Amino acid sequence: MAKHSRGVAYGAWLLLAISIVALIVAAINTFNVGNGIAYTPGTYLVLFSTAMLVIGSLLITFVRSMPRWLSGLIAFLLLIDLLGTGLASYLLEATILVWLMVAGLVAWLIHVFADPASGKRSHPTATNREAMTS
């Protein structure tokens, strides 16, 4: 069986880029006095949850040698973070953040379903023994 090189994780990179942009927008919403929601507890919550989104995105983008259960847990927590931040942004009427969370959800779906696996398996149906001998 031929060896395949590890591919680029486009979904993880896209999620990282979206989360960084969302963090900037959340910071602007938190500290811009002219928007009507500045310095409210909701904006601080969105700022904190977006910062956690950046940290989780950094982990799935750069730490490729983590155990499968840990990467699955981080992916699940990122999904919860995307949905929660999107809901809080909707309630704050921060439309740009809502759309960024929708784009982040699309990037998450790409990461979970289309990005190449970080393991040594060369084919989705290959067993561990086959992967080690190839």
C-alpha atoms as a PDB file:
ATOM      1  CA  MET A   1       0.000   0.000   0.000  1.00  0.00           C
ATOM      2  CA  ALA A   2       1.437   3.398  -0.941  1.00  0.00           C
ATOM      3  CA  LYS A   3       2.153   5.986   1.701  1.00  0.00           C
ATOM      4  CA  HIS A   4       0.247   9.240   1.556  1.00  0.00           C
ATOM      5  CA  SER A   5       1.713  12.396   3.001  1.00  0.00           C
ATOM      6  CA  ARG A   6      -0.229  14.304   5.608  1.00  0.00           C
ATOM      7  CA  GLY A   7      -2.345  16.960   3.982  1.00  0.00           C
ATOM      8  CA  VAL A   8      -2.887  20.521   5.011  1.00  0.00           C
ATOM      9  CA  ALA A   9      -5.696  21.059   7.504  1.00  0.00           C
ATOM     10  CA  TYR A  10      -7.600  23.772   5.640  1.00  0.00           C
ATOM     11  CA  GLY A  11     -10.560  23.765   8.018  1.00  0.00           C
ATOM     12  CA  ALA A  12      -8.355  24.315  11.056  1.00  0.00           C
ATOM     13  CA  TRP A  13      -6.491  27.175   9.377  1.00  0.00           C
ATOM     14  CA  LEU A  14      -9.750  28.757   8.243  1.00  0.00           C
ATOM     15  CA  LEU A  15     -11.220  28.446  11.737  1.00  0.00           C
ATOM     16  CA  LEU A  16      -8.094  30.049  13.197  1.00  0.00           C
ATOM     17  CA  ALA A  17      -8.313  32.992  10.793  1.00  0.00           C
ATOM     18  CA  ILE A  18     -12.025  33.481  11.459  1.00  0.00           C
ATOM     19  CA  SER A  19     -11.555  33.289  15.222  1.00  0.00           C
ATOM     20  CA  ILE A  20      -8.786  35.921  15.150  1.00  0.00           C
ATOM     21  CA  VAL A  21     -10.986  38.275  13.126  1.00  0.00           C
ATOM     22  CA  ALA A  22     -13.878  37.551  15.506  1.00  0.00           C
ATOM     23  CA  LEU A  23     -11.679  38.372  18.506  1.00  0.00           C
ATOM     24  CA  ILE A  24     -10.821  41.740  16.965  1.00  0.00           C
ATOM     25  CA  VAL A  25     -14.502  42.475  16.247  1.00  0.00           C
ATOM     26  CA  ALA A  26     -15.480  41.365  19.780  1.00  0.00           C
ATOM     27  CA  ALA A  27     -12.848  43.678  21.275  1.00  0.00           C
ATOM     28  CA  ILE A  28     -14.132  46.577  19.168  1.00  0.00           C
ATOM     29  CA  ASN A  29     -17.705  45.840  20.283  1.00  0.00           C
ATOM     30  CA  THR A  30     -16.597  45.633  23.914  1.00  0.00           C
ATOM     31  CA  PHE A  31     -14.664  48.892  24.063  1.00  0.00           C
ATOM     32  CA  ASN A  32     -16.300  51.112  21.391  1.00  0.00           C
ATOM     33  CA  VAL A  33     -18.559  53.475  23.304  1.00  0.00           C
ATOM     34  CA  GLY A  34     -20.640  54.466  20.273  1.00  0.00           C
ATOM     35  CA  ASN A  35     -22.246  51.072  19.620  1.00  0.00           C
ATOM     36  CA  GLY A  36     -24.658  50.858  22.581  1.00  0.00           C
ATOM     37  CA  ILE A  37     -23.371  47.527  23.931  1.00  0.00           C
ATOM     38  CA  ALA A  38     -19.911  48.598  25.116  1.00  0.00           C
ATOM     39  CA  TYR A  39     -18.808  47.633  28.610  1.00  0.00           C
ATOM     40  CA  THR A  40     -21.789  45.347  29.206  1.00  0.00           C
ATOM     41  CA  PRO A  41     -21.422  41.895  30.764  1.00  0.00           C
ATOM     42  CA  GLY A  42     -22.572  40.302  27.506  1.00  0.00           C
ATOM     43  CA  THR A  43     -19.754  41.864  25.523  1.00  0.00           C
ATOM     44  CA  TYR A  44     -17.208  40.697  28.083  1.00  0.00           C
ATOM     45  CA  LEU A  45     -18.657  37.191  27.825  1.00  0.00           C
ATOM     46  CA  VAL A  46     -18.410  37.258  24.032  1.00  0.00           C
ATOM     47  CA  LEU A  47     -14.855  38.616  24.246  1.00  0.00           C
ATOM     48  CA  PHE A  48     -13.847  35.820  26.628  1.00  0.00           C
ATOM     49  CA  SER A  49     -15.544  33.069  24.608  1.00  0.00           C
ATOM     50  CA  THR A  50     -13.970  34.356  21.397  1.00  0.00           C
ATOM     51  CA  ALA A  51     -10.551  34.315  23.077  1.00  0.00           C
ATOM     52  CA  MET A  52     -11.215  30.679  24.042  1.00  0.00           C
ATOM     53  CA  LEU A  53     -12.133  30.036  20.388  1.00  0.00           C
ATOM     54  CA  VAL A  54      -8.749  31.398  19.307  1.00  0.00           C
ATOM     55  CA  ILE A  55      -6.938  29.182  21.824  1.00  0.00           C
ATOM     56  CA  GLY A  56      -8.839  26.081  20.722  1.00  0.00           C
ATOM     57  CA  SER A  57      -8.217  26.899  17.073  1.00  0.00           C
ATOM     58  CA  LEU A  58      -4.508  27.300  17.775  1.00  0.00           C
ATOM     59  CA  LEU A  59      -4.483  23.882  19.416  1.00  0.00           C
ATOM     60  CA  ILE A  60      -6.162  22.039  16.550  1.00  0.00           C
ATOM     61  CA  THR A  61      -4.040  23.891  13.980  1.00  0.00           C
ATOM     62  CA  PHE A  62      -0.575  23.482  15.454  1.00  0.00           C
ATOM     63  CA  VAL A  63      -0.689  20.512  17.844  1.00  0.00           C
ATOM     64  CA  ARG A  64      -1.079  17.594  15.437  1.00  0.00           C
ATOM     65  CA  SER A  65       0.353  14.902  17.734  1.00  0.00           C
ATOM     66  CA  MET A  66      -2.351  14.983  20.425  1.00  0.00           C
ATOM     67  CA  PRO A  67      -4.329  11.808  21.175  1.00  0.00           C
ATOM     68  CA  ARG A  68      -7.468  11.231  19.148  1.00  0.00           C
ATOM     69  CA  TRP A  69      -9.758  11.558  22.184  1.00  0.00           C
ATOM     70  CA  LEU A  70      -8.254  14.944  23.066  1.00  0.00           C
ATOM     71  CA  SER A  71      -8.607  16.323  19.544  1.00  0.00           C
ATOM     72  CA  GLY A  72     -12.202  15.080  19.507  1.00  0.00           C
ATOM     73  CA  LEU A  73     -12.880  16.772  22.847  1.00  0.00           C
ATOM     74  CA  ILE A  74     -11.360  20.047  21.646  1.00  0.00           C
ATOM     75  CA  ALA A  75     -13.394  19.864  18.422  1.00  0.00           C
ATOM     76  CA  PHE A  76     -16.577  19.307  20.452  1.00  0.00           C
ATOM     77  CA  LEU A  77     -15.747  22.203  22.786  1.00  0.00           C
ATOM     78  CA  LEU A  78     -15.097  24.420  19.756  1.00  0.00           C
ATOM     79  CA  LEU A  79     -18.543  23.534  18.425  1.00  0.00           C
ATOM     80  CA  ILE A  80     -20.142  24.478  21.759  1.00  0.00           C
ATOM     81  CA  ASP A  81     -18.109  27.710  21.774  1.00  0.00           C
ATOM     82  CA  LEU A  82     -19.163  28.601  18.220  1.00  0.00           C
ATOM     83  CA  LEU A  83     -22.842  28.007  18.975  1.00  0.00           C
ATOM     84  CA  GLY A  84     -22.755  29.826  22.322  1.00  0.00           C
ATOM     85  CA  THR A  85     -20.831  32.801  20.996  1.00  0.00           C
ATOM     86  CA  GLY A  86     -23.154  32.985  18.004  1.00  0.00           C
ATOM     87  CA  LEU A  87     -26.198  33.007  20.281  1.00  0.00           C
ATOM     88  CA  ALA A  88     -24.715  35.649  22.577  1.00  0.00           C
ATOM     89  CA  SER A  89     -23.763  37.764  19.556  1.00  0.00           C
ATOM     90  CA  TYR A  90     -27.294  37.438  18.220  1.00  0.00           C
ATOM     91  CA  LEU A  91     -28.745  38.574  21.547  1.00  0.00           C
ATOM     92  CA  LEU A  92     -26.333  41.530  21.595  1.00  0.00           C
ATOM     93  CA  GLU A  93     -27.338  42.342  18.015  1.00  0.00           C
ATOM     94  CA  ALA A  94     -23.699  42.129  16.908  1.00  0.00           C
ATOM     95  CA  THR A  95     -24.457  41.072  13.336  1.00  0.00           C
ATOM     96  CA  ILE A  96     -20.865  40.871  12.144  1.00  0.00           C
ATOM     97  CA  LEU A  97     -20.002  38.448  14.954  1.00  0.00           C
ATOM     98  CA  VAL A  98     -23.037  36.312  14.184  1.00  0.00           C
ATOM     99  CA  TRP A  99     -21.905  35.942  10.570  1.00  0.00           C
ATOM    100  CA  LEU A 100     -18.353  35.224  11.682  1.00  0.00           C
ATOM    101  CA  MET A 101     -19.669  32.423  13.913  1.00  0.00           C
ATOM    102  CA  VAL A 102     -21.627  31.016  10.950  1.00  0.00           C
ATOM    103  CA  ALA A 103     -18.425  31.088   8.879  1.00  0.00           C
ATOM    104  CA  GLY A 104     -16.608  29.495  11.818  1.00  0.00           C
ATOM    105  CA  LEU A 105     -19.204  26.724  11.892  1.00  0.00           C
ATOM    106  CA  VAL A 106     -18.574  26.061   8.199  1.00  0.00           C
ATOM    107  CA  ALA A 107     -14.815  25.962   8.890  1.00  0.00           C
ATOM    108  CA  TRP A 108     -15.452  23.583  11.805  1.00  0.00           C
ATOM    109  CA  LEU A 109     -17.466  21.299   9.526  1.00  0.00           C
ATOM    110  CA  ILE A 110     -14.632  21.343   6.994  1.00  0.00           C
ATOM    111  CA  HIS A 111     -12.168  20.484   9.753  1.00  0.00           C
ATOM    112  CA  VAL A 112     -14.216  17.617  11.122  1.00  0.00           C
ATOM    113  CA  PHE A 113     -15.389  16.043   7.876  1.00  0.00           C
ATOM    114  CA  ALA A 114     -12.948  17.017   5.108  1.00  0.00           C
ATOM    115  CA  ASP A 115      -9.513  17.650   6.634  1.00  0.00           C
ATOM    116  CA  PRO A 116      -7.018  14.802   6.353  1.00  0.00           C
ATOM    117  CA  ALA A 117      -6.590  12.680   9.456  1.00  0.00           C
ATOM    118  CA  SER A 118      -3.628  13.441  11.668  1.00  0.00           C
ATOM    119  CA  GLY A 119      -2.933   9.758  12.295  1.00  0.00           C
ATOM    120  CA  LYS A 120      -0.724   7.354  10.341  1.00  0.00           C
ATOM    121  CA  ARG A 121      -3.523   5.591   8.539  1.00  0.00           C
ATOM    122  CA  SER A 122      -3.163   5.832   4.812  1.00  0.00           C
ATOM    123  CA  HIS A 123      -6.788   4.998   4.074  1.00  0.00           C
ATOM    124  CA  PRO A 124      -9.936   5.409   6.196  1.00  0.00           C
ATOM    125  CA  THR A 125     -10.561   1.651   6.198  1.00  0.00           C
ATOM    126  CA  ALA A 126      -6.962   0.618   6.910  1.00  0.00           C
ATOM    127  CA  THR A 127      -6.273  -1.154  10.182  1.00  0.00           C
ATOM    128  CA  ASN A 128      -3.474  -0.181  12.540  1.00  0.00           C
ATOM    129  CA  ARG A 129      -1.420  -3.207  11.489  1.00  0.00           C
ATOM    130  CA  GLU A 130      -1.708  -2.241   7.808  1.00  0.00           C
ATOM    131  CA  ALA A 131      -0.722   1.338   8.558  1.00  0.00           C
ATOM    132  CA  MET A 132       2.384   0.267  10.466  1.00  0.00           C
ATOM    133  CA  THR A 133       3.584  -2.090   7.744  1.00  0.00           C
ATOM    134  CA  SER A 134       3.157   0.361   4.872  1.00  0.00           C
END
